[in-house]
Structures are given as C-alpha cells and as structure tokens.
Amino acid sequence: MRSSASPRSCALWIDHLKDHADKPNDIQLTSLTAEINILSDRFHYTPLVESCFLTTLDKWRTDAHRTIDRFYETQRRHSEQFIQQNRDKQRKEIDRLRLKLNDLIREQNATQ
C-alpha cells in the first residue's frame, strides 16, 4: 500500500515530531542540570562539613585529655595523701614501739 502523503508533508511532519521530541529532552536536560548544580553545591559544602567534623573531633580529643589529666591529678593527690598518712602512722607506731622498748630496757636495768 502506498502512502498518500507527499515528501514535503512528511518532512514537515518529521520536523514537527522532532520539535515535540526535543521538548521533553529540554526538560530532562534542565532537570539534569539542576541536579548537577545541587551535587556541585554539595561538594563545595562538604569541605566545610568535614572541617567542622574534624574541628569537633579535635575539640573532643582536647577535652578528653583535659578530663583524663584532671582525673589523674586528683587520683595522684589522693594517693600521695594516702601514702603520707600511712607513713605518718607507721612512723608514729615505730616511735611508740621505740619508747616502749626503751621503757622496758630501763625497767629491766632498774630491776637488775
């Protein structure tokens, strides 16, 4: 079967069809361009987020070290006080024993 359309009308129809086919592509390209711009903005923003994250991580590290140092200093002070108190008790006990021994020696010498 032969088509009744002339070559000229076919060319016009094809051009018209191309115009309609290009319009969705224009919309898709515009949409794709918008998506690419959003991604580009995210990449430009990402270093700020990374920088903020790293700054926060560094601050956490500094604060954690400060907390550990304070805890260490407190424990060290308590330990030094405990050791000193025990030494003082031992020294007093040794002094008491020395006096008692000296008293016993004097009493023994006195009885002899």
PDB file of N, CA and C in Angstrom:
ATOM      1  N   MET A   1       0.820  -1.155   0.000  1.00  0.00           N
ATOM      2  CA  MET A   1       0.000   0.000   0.000  1.00  0.00           C
ATOM      3  C   MET A   1       0.878   1.236   0.000  1.00  0.00           C
ATOM      4  N   ARG A   2       0.465   2.138  -0.782  1.00  0.00           N
ATOM      5  CA  ARG A   2       1.246   3.349  -0.926  1.00  0.00           C
ATOM      6  C   ARG A   2       0.690   4.461  -0.091  1.00  0.00           C
ATOM      7  N   SER A   3       1.587   5.278   0.546  1.00  0.00           N
ATOM      8  CA  SER A   3       1.154   6.395   1.357  1.00  0.00           C
ATOM      9  C   SER A   3       0.745   7.539   0.458  1.00  0.00           C
ATOM     10  N   SER A   4      -0.291   8.274   0.865  1.00  0.00           N
ATOM     11  CA  SER A   4      -0.770   9.389   0.070  1.00  0.00           C
ATOM     12  C   SER A   4      -0.077  10.692   0.431  1.00  0.00           C
ATOM     13  N   ALA A   5       0.771  10.678   1.458  1.00  0.00           N
ATOM     14  CA  ALA A   5       1.449  11.911   1.886  1.00  0.00           C
ATOM     15  C   ALA A   5       2.582  12.221   0.939  1.00  0.00           C
ATOM     16  N   SER A   6       2.750  13.508   0.668  1.00  0.00           N
ATOM     17  CA  SER A   6       3.836  13.938  -0.209  1.00  0.00           C
ATOM     18  C   SER A   6       5.132  13.984   0.583  1.00  0.00           C
ATOM     19  N   PRO A   7       6.265  13.959  -0.099  1.00  0.00           N
ATOM     20  CA  PRO A   7       7.541  14.039   0.604  1.00  0.00           C
ATOM     21  C   PRO A   7       7.652  15.325   1.398  1.00  0.00           C
ATOM     22  N   ARG A   8       7.079  16.396   0.903  1.00  0.00           N
ATOM     23  CA  ARG A   8       7.136  17.677   1.617  1.00  0.00           C
ATOM     24  C   ARG A   8       6.365  17.601   2.927  1.00  0.00           C
ATOM     25  N   SER A   9       5.188  17.003   2.902  1.00  0.00           N
ATOM     26  CA  SER A   9       4.387  16.904   4.121  1.00  0.00           C
ATOM     27  C   SER A   9       5.039  15.939   5.112  1.00  0.00           C
ATOM     28  N   CYS A  10       5.712  14.937   4.624  1.00  0.00           N
ATOM     29  CA  CYS A  10       6.447  14.014   5.522  1.00  0.00           C
ATOM     30  C   CYS A  10       7.583  14.748   6.224  1.00  0.00           C
ATOM     31  N   ALA A  11       8.273  15.584   5.509  1.00  0.00           N
ATOM     32  CA  ALA A  11       9.375  16.339   6.096  1.00  0.00           C
ATOM     33  C   ALA A  11       8.854  17.289   7.162  1.00  0.00           C
ATOM     34  N   LEU A  12       7.738  17.938   6.897  1.00  0.00           N
ATOM     35  CA  LEU A  12       7.136  18.835   7.899  1.00  0.00           C
ATOM     36  C   LEU A  12       6.695  18.050   9.131  1.00  0.00           C
ATOM     37  N   TRP A  13       6.097  16.900   8.865  1.00  0.00           N
ATOM     38  CA  TRP A  13       5.629  16.076   9.974  1.00  0.00           C
ATOM     39  C   TRP A  13       6.814  15.596  10.835  1.00  0.00           C
ATOM     40  N   ILE A  14       7.910  15.203  10.204  1.00  0.00           N
ATOM     41  CA  ILE A  14       9.114  14.745  10.926  1.00  0.00           C
ATOM     42  C   ILE A  14       9.702  15.905  11.737  1.00  0.00           C
ATOM     43  N   ASP A  15       9.750  17.107  11.135  1.00  0.00           N
ATOM     44  CA  ASP A  15      10.243  18.274  11.868  1.00  0.00           C
ATOM     45  C   ASP A  15       9.359  18.564  13.075  1.00  0.00           C
ATOM     46  N   HIS A  16       8.042  18.464  12.868  1.00  0.00           N
ATOM     47  CA  HIS A  16       7.108  18.689  13.971  1.00  0.00           C
ATOM     48  C   HIS A  16       7.309  17.652  15.073  1.00  0.00           C
ATOM     49  N   LEU A  17       7.499  16.414  14.655  1.00  0.00           N
ATOM     50  CA  LEU A  17       7.749  15.333  15.616  1.00  0.00           C
ATOM     51  C   LEU A  17       9.043  15.574  16.387  1.00  0.00           C
ATOM     52  N   LYS A  18      10.084  16.050  15.701  1.00  0.00           N
ATOM     53  CA  LYS A  18      11.354  16.351  16.361  1.00  0.00           C
ATOM     54  C   LYS A  18      11.175  17.469  17.379  1.00  0.00           C
ATOM     55  N   ASP A  19      10.375  18.490  17.018  1.00  0.00           N
ATOM     56  CA  ASP A  19      10.116  19.585  17.967  1.00  0.00           C
ATOM     57  C   ASP A  19       9.488  19.050  19.244  1.00  0.00           C
ATOM     58  N   HIS A  20       8.511  18.161  19.090  1.00  0.00           N
ATOM     59  CA  HIS A  20       7.865  17.582  20.267  1.00  0.00           C
ATOM     60  C   HIS A  20       8.809  16.663  21.036  1.00  0.00           C
ATOM     61  N   ALA A  21       9.652  15.959  20.336  1.00  0.00           N
ATOM     62  CA  ALA A  21      10.587  15.032  20.974  1.00  0.00           C
ATOM     63  C   ALA A  21      11.666  15.811  21.722  1.00  0.00           C
ATOM     64  N   ASP A  22      12.068  16.983  21.199  1.00  0.00           N
ATOM     65  CA  ASP A  22      13.112  17.782  21.834  1.00  0.00           C
ATOM     66  C   ASP A  22      12.632  18.443  23.118  1.00  0.00           C
ATOM     67  N   LYS A  23      11.356  18.757  23.219  1.00  0.00           N
ATOM     68  CA  LYS A  23      10.848  19.447  24.407  1.00  0.00           C
ATOM     69  C   LYS A  23      11.018  18.617  25.681  1.00  0.00           C
ATOM     70  N   PRO A  24      10.638  17.350  25.709  1.00  0.00           N
ATOM     71  CA  PRO A  24      10.910  16.566  26.921  1.00  0.00           C
ATOM     72  C   PRO A  24      12.414  16.469  27.201  1.00  0.00           C
ATOM     73  N   ASN A  25      13.220  16.401  26.156  1.00  0.00           N
ATOM     74  CA  ASN A  25      14.664  16.350  26.368  1.00  0.00           C
ATOM     75  C   ASN A  25      15.151  17.646  27.002  1.00  0.00           C
ATOM     76  N   ASP A  26      14.582  18.798  26.564  1.00  0.00           N
ATOM     77  CA  ASP A  26      14.959  20.073  27.173  1.00  0.00           C
ATOM     78  C   ASP A  26      14.617  20.082  28.656  1.00  0.00           C
ATOM     79  N   ILE A  27      13.432  19.568  28.972  1.00  0.00           N
ATOM     80  CA  ILE A  27      13.014  19.499  30.381  1.00  0.00           C
ATOM     81  C   ILE A  27      13.934  18.560  31.148  1.00  0.00           C
ATOM     82  N   GLN A  28      14.259  17.426  30.538  1.00  0.00           N
ATOM     83  CA  GLN A  28      15.156  16.468  31.191  1.00  0.00           C
ATOM     84  C   GLN A  28      16.542  17.069  31.370  1.00  0.00           C
ATOM     85  N   LEU A  29      17.011  17.778  30.342  1.00  0.00           N
ATOM     86  CA  LEU A  29      18.338  18.408  30.447  1.00  0.00           C
ATOM     87  C   LEU A  29      18.342  19.487  31.512  1.00  0.00           C
ATOM     88  N   THR A  30      17.270  20.265  31.590  1.00  0.00           N
ATOM     89  CA  THR A  30      17.174  21.297  32.623  1.00  0.00           C
ATOM     90  C   THR A  30      17.166  20.655  34.004  1.00  0.00           C
ATOM     91  N   SER A  31      16.406  19.585  34.127  1.00  0.00           N
ATOM     92  CA  SER A  31      16.344  18.864  35.401  1.00  0.00           C
ATOM     93  C   SER A  31      17.710  18.267  35.752  1.00  0.00           C
ATOM     94  N   LEU A  32      18.362  17.696  34.756  1.00  0.00           N
ATOM     95  CA  LEU A  32      19.689  17.119  34.972  1.00  0.00           C
ATOM     96  C   LEU A  32      20.694  18.199  35.351  1.00  0.00           C
ATOM     97  N   THR A  33      20.597  19.343  34.700  1.00  0.00           N
ATOM     98  CA  THR A  33      21.482  20.467  35.035  1.00  0.00           C
ATOM     99  C   THR A  33      21.262  20.904  36.482  1.00  0.00           C
ATOM    100  N   ALA A  34      19.996  20.970  36.895  1.00  0.00           N
ATOM    101  CA  ALA A  34      19.683  21.339  38.282  1.00  0.00           C
ATOM    102  C   ALA A  34      20.272  20.327  39.256  1.00  0.00           C
ATOM    103  N   GLU A  35      20.171  19.051  38.943  1.00  0.00           N
ATOM    104  CA  GLU A  35      20.739  18.005  39.801  1.00  0.00           C
ATOM    105  C   GLU A  35      22.256  18.131  39.898  1.00  0.00           C
ATOM    106  N   ILE A  36      22.875  18.403  38.747  1.00  0.00           N
ATOM    107  CA  ILE A  36      24.336  18.564  38.737  1.00  0.00           C
ATOM    108  C   ILE A  36      24.734  19.780  39.571  1.00  0.00           C
ATOM    109  N   ASN A  37      23.976  20.850  39.479  1.00  0.00           N
ATOM    110  CA  ASN A  37      24.261  22.046  40.287  1.00  0.00           C
ATOM    111  C   ASN A  37      24.119  21.750  41.778  1.00  0.00           C
ATOM    112  N   ILE A  38      23.110  20.969  42.138  1.00  0.00           N
ATOM    113  CA  ILE A  38      22.923  20.586  43.546  1.00  0.00           C
ATOM    114  C   ILE A  38      24.113  19.755  44.028  1.00  0.00           C
ATOM    115  N   LEU A  39      24.528  18.788  43.205  1.00  0.00           N
ATOM    116  CA  LEU A  39      25.688  17.966  43.579  1.00  0.00           C
ATOM    117  C   LEU A  39      26.945  18.820  43.698  1.00  0.00           C
ATOM    118  N   SER A  40      27.104  19.748  42.777  1.00  0.00           N
ATOM    119  CA  SER A  40      28.266  20.642  42.816  1.00  0.00           C
ATOM    120  C   SER A  40      28.263  21.454  44.104  1.00  0.00           C
ATOM    121  N   ASP A  41      27.096  21.988  44.464  1.00  0.00           N
ATOM    122  CA  ASP A  41      26.982  22.744  45.719  1.00  0.00           C
ATOM    123  C   ASP A  41      27.336  21.877  46.917  1.00  0.00           C
ATOM    124  N   ARG A  42      26.891  20.621  46.890  1.00  0.00           N
ATOM    125  CA  ARG A  42      27.211  19.705  48.000  1.00  0.00           C
ATOM    126  C   ARG A  42      28.715  19.491  48.113  1.00  0.00           C
ATOM    127  N   PHE A  43      29.384  19.347  46.975  1.00  0.00           N
ATOM    128  CA  PHE A  43      30.832  19.146  47.011  1.00  0.00           C
ATOM    129  C   PHE A  43      31.542  20.389  47.535  1.00  0.00           C
ATOM    130  N   HIS A  44      31.024  21.552  47.204  1.00  0.00           N
ATOM    131  CA  HIS A  44      31.625  22.779  47.726  1.00  0.00           C
ATOM    132  C   HIS A  44      31.349  22.923  49.221  1.00  0.00           C
ATOM    133  N   TYR A  45      30.213  22.409  49.680  1.00  0.00           N
ATOM    134  CA  TYR A  45      29.833  22.493  51.082  1.00  0.00           C
ATOM    135  C   TYR A  45      30.503  21.403  51.913  1.00  0.00           C
ATOM    136  N   THR A  46      30.789  20.254  51.296  1.00  0.00           N
ATOM    137  CA  THR A  46      31.355  19.103  52.004  1.00  0.00           C
ATOM    138  C   THR A  46      32.641  19.441  52.757  1.00  0.00           C
ATOM    139  N   PRO A  47      33.594  20.189  52.169  1.00  0.00           N
ATOM    140  CA  PRO A  47      34.786  20.514  52.959  1.00  0.00           C
ATOM    141  C   PRO A  47      34.454  21.277  54.240  1.00  0.00           C
ATOM    142  N   LEU A  48      33.408  22.093  54.195  1.00  0.00           N
ATOM    143  CA  LEU A  48      33.005  22.796  55.414  1.00  0.00           C
ATOM    144  C   LEU A  48      32.507  21.811  56.457  1.00  0.00           C
ATOM    145  N   VAL A  49      31.724  20.832  56.018  1.00  0.00           N
ATOM    146  CA  VAL A  49      31.215  19.813  56.934  1.00  0.00           C
ATOM    147  C   VAL A  49      32.374  18.983  57.473  1.00  0.00           C
ATOM    148  N   GLU A  50      33.284  18.582  56.566  1.00  0.00           N
ATOM    149  CA  GLU A  50      34.447  17.806  57.002  1.00  0.00           C
ATOM    150  C   GLU A  50      35.283  18.612  57.974  1.00  0.00           C
ATOM    151  N   SER A  51      35.494  19.878  57.674  1.00  0.00           N
ATOM    152  CA  SER A  51      36.280  20.740  58.548  1.00  0.00           C
ATOM    153  C   SER A  51      35.604  20.873  59.910  1.00  0.00           C
ATOM    154  N   CYS A  52      34.303  21.067  59.898  1.00  0.00           N
ATOM    155  CA  CYS A  52      33.549  21.175  61.156  1.00  0.00           C
ATOM    156  C   CYS A  52      33.647  19.867  61.932  1.00  0.00           C
ATOM    157  N   PHE A  53      33.517  18.738  61.249  1.00  0.00           N
ATOM    158  CA  PHE A  53      33.619  17.428  61.898  1.00  0.00           C
ATOM    159  C   PHE A  53      35.002  17.251  62.524  1.00  0.00           C
ATOM    160  N   LEU A  54      36.043  17.583  61.755  1.00  0.00           N
ATOM    161  CA  LEU A  54      37.413  17.419  62.265  1.00  0.00           C
ATOM    162  C   LEU A  54      37.680  18.367  63.422  1.00  0.00           C
ATOM    163  N   THR A  55      37.160  19.583  63.347  1.00  0.00           N
ATOM    164  CA  THR A  55      37.316  20.539  64.450  1.00  0.00           C
ATOM    165  C   THR A  55      36.626  20.005  65.700  1.00  0.00           C
ATOM    166  N   THR A  56      35.427  19.477  65.530  1.00  0.00           N
ATOM    167  CA  THR A  56      34.693  18.901  66.661  1.00  0.00           C
ATOM    168  C   THR A  56      35.440  17.710  67.239  1.00  0.00           C
ATOM    169  N   LEU A  57      35.988  16.874  66.368  1.00  0.00           N
ATOM    170  CA  LEU A  57      36.753  15.716  66.826  1.00  0.00           C
ATOM    171  C   LEU A  57      38.000  16.160  67.597  1.00  0.00           C
ATOM    172  N   ASP A  58      38.700  17.174  67.098  1.00  0.00           N
ATOM    173  CA  ASP A  58      39.878  17.705  67.797  1.00  0.00           C
ATOM    174  C   ASP A  58      39.502  18.283  69.156  1.00  0.00           C
ATOM    175  N   LYS A  59      38.380  18.990  69.217  1.00  0.00           N
ATOM    176  CA  LYS A  59      37.920  19.561  70.494  1.00  0.00           C
ATOM    177  C   LYS A  59      37.595  18.438  71.477  1.00  0.00           C
ATOM    178  N   TRP A  60      36.929  17.386  70.970  1.00  0.00           N
ATOM    179  CA  TRP A  60      36.610  16.245  71.835  1.00  0.00           C
ATOM    180  C   TRP A  60      37.899  15.645  72.394  1.00  0.00           C
ATOM    181  N   ARG A  61      38.907  15.507  71.536  1.00  0.00           N
ATOM    182  CA  ARG A  61      40.187  14.932  71.966  1.00  0.00           C
ATOM    183  C   ARG A  61      40.826  15.792  73.057  1.00  0.00           C
ATOM    184  N   THR A  62      40.847  17.101  72.825  1.00  0.00           N
ATOM    185  CA  THR A  62      41.430  18.021  73.803  1.00  0.00           C
ATOM    186  C   THR A  62      40.674  17.947  75.126  1.00  0.00           C
ATOM    187  N   ASP A  63      39.336  17.971  75.050  1.00  0.00           N
ATOM    188  CA  ASP A  63      38.525  17.889  76.271  1.00  0.00           C
ATOM    189  C   ASP A  63      38.736  16.561  76.984  1.00  0.00           C
ATOM    190  N   ALA A  64      38.833  15.476  76.214  1.00  0.00           N
ATOM    191  CA  ALA A  64      39.047  14.154  76.829  1.00  0.00           C
ATOM    192  C   ALA A  64      40.401  14.104  77.537  1.00  0.00           C
ATOM    193  N   HIS A  65      41.426  14.654  76.897  1.00  0.00           N
ATOM    194  CA  HIS A  65      42.753  14.682  77.533  1.00  0.00           C
ATOM    195  C   HIS A  65      42.722  15.534  78.799  1.00  0.00           C
ATOM    196  N   ARG A  66      42.025  16.657  78.738  1.00  0.00           N
ATOM    197  CA  ARG A  66      41.923  17.529  79.916  1.00  0.00           C
ATOM    198  C   ARG A  66      41.207  16.791  81.051  1.00  0.00           C
ATOM    199  N   THR A  67      40.149  16.080  80.719  1.00  0.00           N
ATOM    200  CA  THR A  67      39.408  15.310  81.724  1.00  0.00           C
ATOM    201  C   THR A  67      40.289  14.225  82.324  1.00  0.00           C
ATOM    202  N   ILE A  68      41.016  13.522  81.482  1.00  0.00           N
ATOM    203  CA  ILE A  68      41.925  12.473  81.965  1.00  0.00           C
ATOM    204  C   ILE A  68      43.014  13.077  82.841  1.00  0.00           C
ATOM    205  N   ASP A  69      43.590  14.204  82.429  1.00  0.00           N
ATOM    206  CA  ASP A  69      44.628  14.863  83.227  1.00  0.00           C
ATOM    207  C   ASP A  69      44.090  15.281  84.590  1.00  0.00           C
ATOM    208  N   ARG A  70      42.856  15.839  84.619  1.00  0.00           N
ATOM    209  CA  ARG A  70      42.268  16.233  85.912  1.00  0.00           C
ATOM    210  C   ARG A  70      42.039  15.010  86.787  1.00  0.00           C
ATOM    211  N   PHE A  71      41.529  13.937  86.203  1.00  0.00           N
ATOM    212  CA  PHE A  71      41.301  12.708  86.957  1.00  0.00           C
ATOM    213  C   PHE A  71      42.622  12.174  87.502  1.00  0.00           C
ATOM    214  N   TYR A  72      43.646  12.164  86.653  1.00  0.00           N
ATOM    215  CA  TYR A  72      44.970  11.698  87.067  1.00  0.00           C
ATOM    216  C   TYR A  72      45.482  12.536  88.241  1.00  0.00           C
ATOM    217  N   GLU A  73      45.399  13.860  88.107  1.00  0.00           N
ATOM    218  CA  GLU A  73      45.905  14.738  89.175  1.00  0.00           C
ATOM    219  C   GLU A  73      45.158  14.497  90.484  1.00  0.00           C
ATOM    220  N   THR A  74      43.853  14.338  90.397  1.00  0.00           N
ATOM    221  CA  THR A  74      43.053  14.083  91.600  1.00  0.00           C
ATOM    222  C   THR A  74      43.462  12.749  92.232  1.00  0.00           C
ATOM    223  N   GLN A  75      43.572  11.702  91.429  1.00  0.00           N
ATOM    224  CA  GLN A  75      43.963  10.391  91.948  1.00  0.00           C
ATOM    225  C   GLN A  75      45.381  10.411  92.511  1.00  0.00           C
ATOM    226  N   ARG A  76      46.273  11.121  91.831  1.00  0.00           N
ATOM    227  CA  ARG A  76      47.650  11.212  92.315  1.00  0.00           C
ATOM    228  C   ARG A  76      47.691  11.917  93.682  1.00  0.00           C
ATOM    229  N   ARG A  77      46.941  13.025  93.790  1.00  0.00           N
ATOM    230  CA  ARG A  77      46.900  13.749  95.071  1.00  0.00           C
ATOM    231  C   ARG A  77      46.354  12.860  96.182  1.00  0.00           C
ATOM    232  N   HIS A  78      45.264  12.139  95.897  1.00  0.00           N
ATOM    233  CA  HIS A  78      44.695  11.235  96.904  1.00  0.00           C
ATOM    234  C   HIS A  78      45.682  10.122  97.269  1.00  0.00           C
ATOM    235  N   SER A  79      46.368   9.603  96.274  1.00  0.00           N
ATOM    236  CA  SER A  79      47.352   8.544  96.532  1.00  0.00           C
ATOM    237  C   SER A  79      48.511   9.072  97.370  1.00  0.00           C
ATOM    238  N   GLU A  80      49.003  10.250  97.034  1.00  0.00           N
ATOM    239  CA  GLU A  80      50.099  10.842  97.822  1.00  0.00           C
ATOM    240  C   GLU A  80      49.668  11.077  99.266  1.00  0.00           C
ATOM    241  N   GLN A  81      48.427  11.567  99.444  1.00  0.00           N
ATOM    242  CA  GLN A  81      47.923  11.784 100.810  1.00  0.00           C
ATOM    243  C   GLN A  81      47.799  10.459 101.555  1.00  0.00           C
ATOM    244  N   PHE A  82      47.297   9.433 100.877  1.00  0.00           N
ATOM    245  CA  PHE A  82      47.153   8.119 101.496  1.00  0.00           C
ATOM    246  C   PHE A  82      48.518   7.569 101.902  1.00  0.00           C
ATOM    247  N   ILE A  83      49.478   7.665 100.995  1.00  0.00           N
ATOM    248  CA  ILE A  83      50.836   7.179 101.294  1.00  0.00           C
ATOM    249  C   ILE A  83      51.430   7.950 102.463  1.00  0.00           C
ATOM    250  N   GLN A  84      51.288   9.268 102.448  1.00  0.00           N
ATOM    251  CA  GLN A  84      51.847  10.090 103.528  1.00  0.00           C
ATOM    252  C   GLN A  84      51.185   9.767 104.862  1.00  0.00           C
ATOM    253  N   GLN A  85      49.865   9.577 104.844  1.00  0.00           N
ATOM    254  CA  GLN A  85      49.159   9.231 106.096  1.00  0.00           C
ATOM    255  C   GLN A  85      49.641   7.886 106.628  1.00  0.00           C
ATOM    256  N   ASN A  86      49.829   6.909 105.724  1.00  0.00           N
ATOM    257  CA  ASN A  86      50.334   5.600 106.167  1.00  0.00           C
ATOM    258  C   ASN A  86      51.751   5.704 106.703  1.00  0.00           C
ATOM    259  N   ARG A  87      52.597   6.486 106.052  1.00  0.00           N
ATOM    260  CA  ARG A  87      53.960   6.683 106.555  1.00  0.00           C
ATOM    261  C   ARG A  87      53.939   7.341 107.931  1.00  0.00           C
ATOM    262  N   ASP A  88      53.068   8.353 108.074  1.00  0.00           N
ATOM    263  CA  ASP A  88      52.972   9.019 109.383  1.00  0.00           C
ATOM    264  C   ASP A  88      52.521   8.046 110.460  1.00  0.00           C
ATOM    265  N   LYS A  89      51.540   7.207 110.146  1.00  0.00           N
ATOM    266  CA  LYS A  89      51.072   6.204 111.122  1.00  0.00           C
ATOM    267  C   LYS A  89      52.197   5.226 111.464  1.00  0.00           C
ATOM    268  N   GLN A  90      52.899   4.764 110.426  1.00  0.00           N
ATOM    269  CA  GLN A  90      53.994   3.825 110.669  1.00  0.00           C
ATOM    270  C   GLN A  90      55.101   4.469 111.487  1.00  0.00           C
ATOM    271  N   ARG A  91      55.419   5.732 111.170  1.00  0.00           N
ATOM    272  CA  ARG A  91      56.460   6.440 111.917  1.00  0.00           C
ATOM    273  C   ARG A  91      56.057   6.591 113.383  1.00  0.00           C
ATOM    274  N   LYS A  92      54.784   6.956 113.616  1.00  0.00           N
ATOM    275  CA  LYS A  92      54.289   7.096 114.993  1.00  0.00           C
ATOM    276  C   LYS A  92      54.335   5.751 115.720  1.00  0.00           C
ATOM    277  N   GLU A  93      53.953   4.698 115.012  1.00  0.00           N
ATOM    278  CA  GLU A  93      53.980   3.369 115.631  1.00  0.00           C
ATOM    279  C   GLU A  93      55.413   2.954 115.957  1.00  0.00           C
ATOM    280  N   ILE A  94      56.338   3.236 115.038  1.00  0.00           N
ATOM    281  CA  ILE A  94      57.743   2.917 115.300  1.00  0.00           C
ATOM    282  C   ILE A  94      58.244   3.727 116.500  1.00  0.00           C
ATOM    283  N   ASP A  95      57.910   5.020 116.551  1.00  0.00           N
ATOM    284  CA  ASP A  95      58.307   5.863 117.688  1.00  0.00           C
ATOM    285  C   ASP A  95      57.704   5.337 118.990  1.00  0.00           C
ATOM    286  N   ARG A  96      56.435   4.911 118.938  1.00  0.00           N
ATOM    287  CA  ARG A  96      55.791   4.368 120.144  1.00  0.00           C
ATOM    288  C   ARG A  96      56.483   3.081 120.588  1.00  0.00           C
ATOM    289  N   LEU A  97      56.799   2.212 119.606  1.00  0.00           N
ATOM    290  CA  LEU A  97      57.484   0.966 119.948  1.00  0.00           C
ATOM    291  C   LEU A  97      58.874   1.248 120.513  1.00  0.00           C
ATOM    292  N   ARG A  98      59.578   2.212 119.924  1.00  0.00           N
ATOM    293  CA  ARG A  98      60.919   2.576 120.407  1.00  0.00           C
ATOM    294  C   ARG A  98      60.842   3.056 121.860  1.00  0.00           C
ATOM    295  N   LEU A  99      59.882   3.937 122.148  1.00  0.00           N
ATOM    296  CA  LEU A  99      59.716   4.427 123.525  1.00  0.00           C
ATOM    297  C   LEU A  99      59.386   3.286 124.484  1.00  0.00           C
ATOM    298  N   LYS A 100      58.476   2.426 124.062  1.00  0.00           N
ATOM    299  CA  LYS A 100      58.092   1.295 124.917  1.00  0.00           C
ATOM    300  C   LYS A 100      59.299   0.384 125.157  1.00  0.00           C
ATOM    301  N   LEU A 101      60.076   0.120 124.101  1.00  0.00           N
ATOM    302  CA  LEU A 101      61.265  -0.711 124.241  1.00  0.00           C
ATOM    303  C   LEU A 101      62.270  -0.050 125.185  1.00  0.00           C
ATOM    304  N   ASN A 102      62.458   1.255 125.014  1.00  0.00           N
ATOM    305  CA  ASN A 102      63.366   1.978 125.916  1.00  0.00           C
ATOM    306  C   ASN A 102      62.868   1.905 127.358  1.00  0.00           C
ATOM    307  N   ASP A 103      61.542   2.030 127.555  1.00  0.00           N
ATOM    308  CA  ASP A 103      60.978   1.914 128.908  1.00  0.00           C
ATOM    309  C   ASP A 103      61.226   0.521 129.472  1.00  0.00           C
ATOM    310  N   LEU A 104      61.052  -0.501 128.641  1.00  0.00           N
ATOM    311  CA  LEU A 104      61.271  -1.871 129.098  1.00  0.00           C
ATOM    312  C   LEU A 104      62.745  -2.091 129.466  1.00  0.00           C
ATOM    313  N   ILE A 105      63.642  -1.517 128.650  1.00  0.00           N
ATOM    314  CA  ILE A 105      65.070  -1.652 128.935  1.00  0.00           C
ATOM    315  C   ILE A 105      65.394  -0.952 130.257  1.00  0.00           C
ATOM    316  N   ARG A 106      64.845   0.223 130.482  1.00  0.00           N
ATOM    317  CA  ARG A 106      65.079   0.946 131.740  1.00  0.00           C
ATOM    318  C   ARG A 106      64.537   0.160 132.933  1.00  0.00           C
ATOM    319  N   GLU A 107      63.316  -0.387 132.759  1.00  0.00           N
ATOM    320  CA  GLU A 107      62.742  -1.185 133.849  1.00  0.00           C
ATOM    321  C   GLU A 107      63.587  -2.407 134.143  1.00  0.00           C
ATOM    322  N   GLN A 108      64.104  -3.053 133.089  1.00  0.00           N
ATOM    323  CA  GLN A 108      64.937  -4.249 133.285  1.00  0.00           C
ATOM    324  C   GLN A 108      66.221  -3.864 133.977  1.00  0.00           C
ATOM    325  N   ASN A 109      66.829  -2.752 133.572  1.00  0.00           N
ATOM    326  CA  ASN A 109      68.069  -2.281 134.195  1.00  0.00           C
ATOM    327  C   ASN A 109      67.801  -1.905 135.638  1.00  0.00           C
ATOM    328  N   ALA A 110      66.628  -1.355 135.877  1.00  0.00           N
ATOM    329  CA  ALA A 110      66.304  -0.947 137.236  1.00  0.00           C
ATOM    330  C   ALA A 110      66.104  -2.134 138.141  1.00  0.00           C
ATOM    331  N   THR A 111      65.546  -3.196 137.607  1.00  0.00           N
ATOM    332  CA  THR A 111      65.292  -4.372 138.435  1.00  0.00           C
ATOM    333  C   THR A 111      66.565  -5.170 138.667  1.00  0.00           C
ATOM    334  N   GLN A 112      67.555  -5.017 137.790  1.00  0.00           N
ATOM    335  CA  GLN A 112      68.766  -5.783 137.958  1.00  0.00           C
ATOM    336  C   GLN A 112      69.579  -5.062 138.992  1.00  0.00           C
TER     337      GLN A 112
END
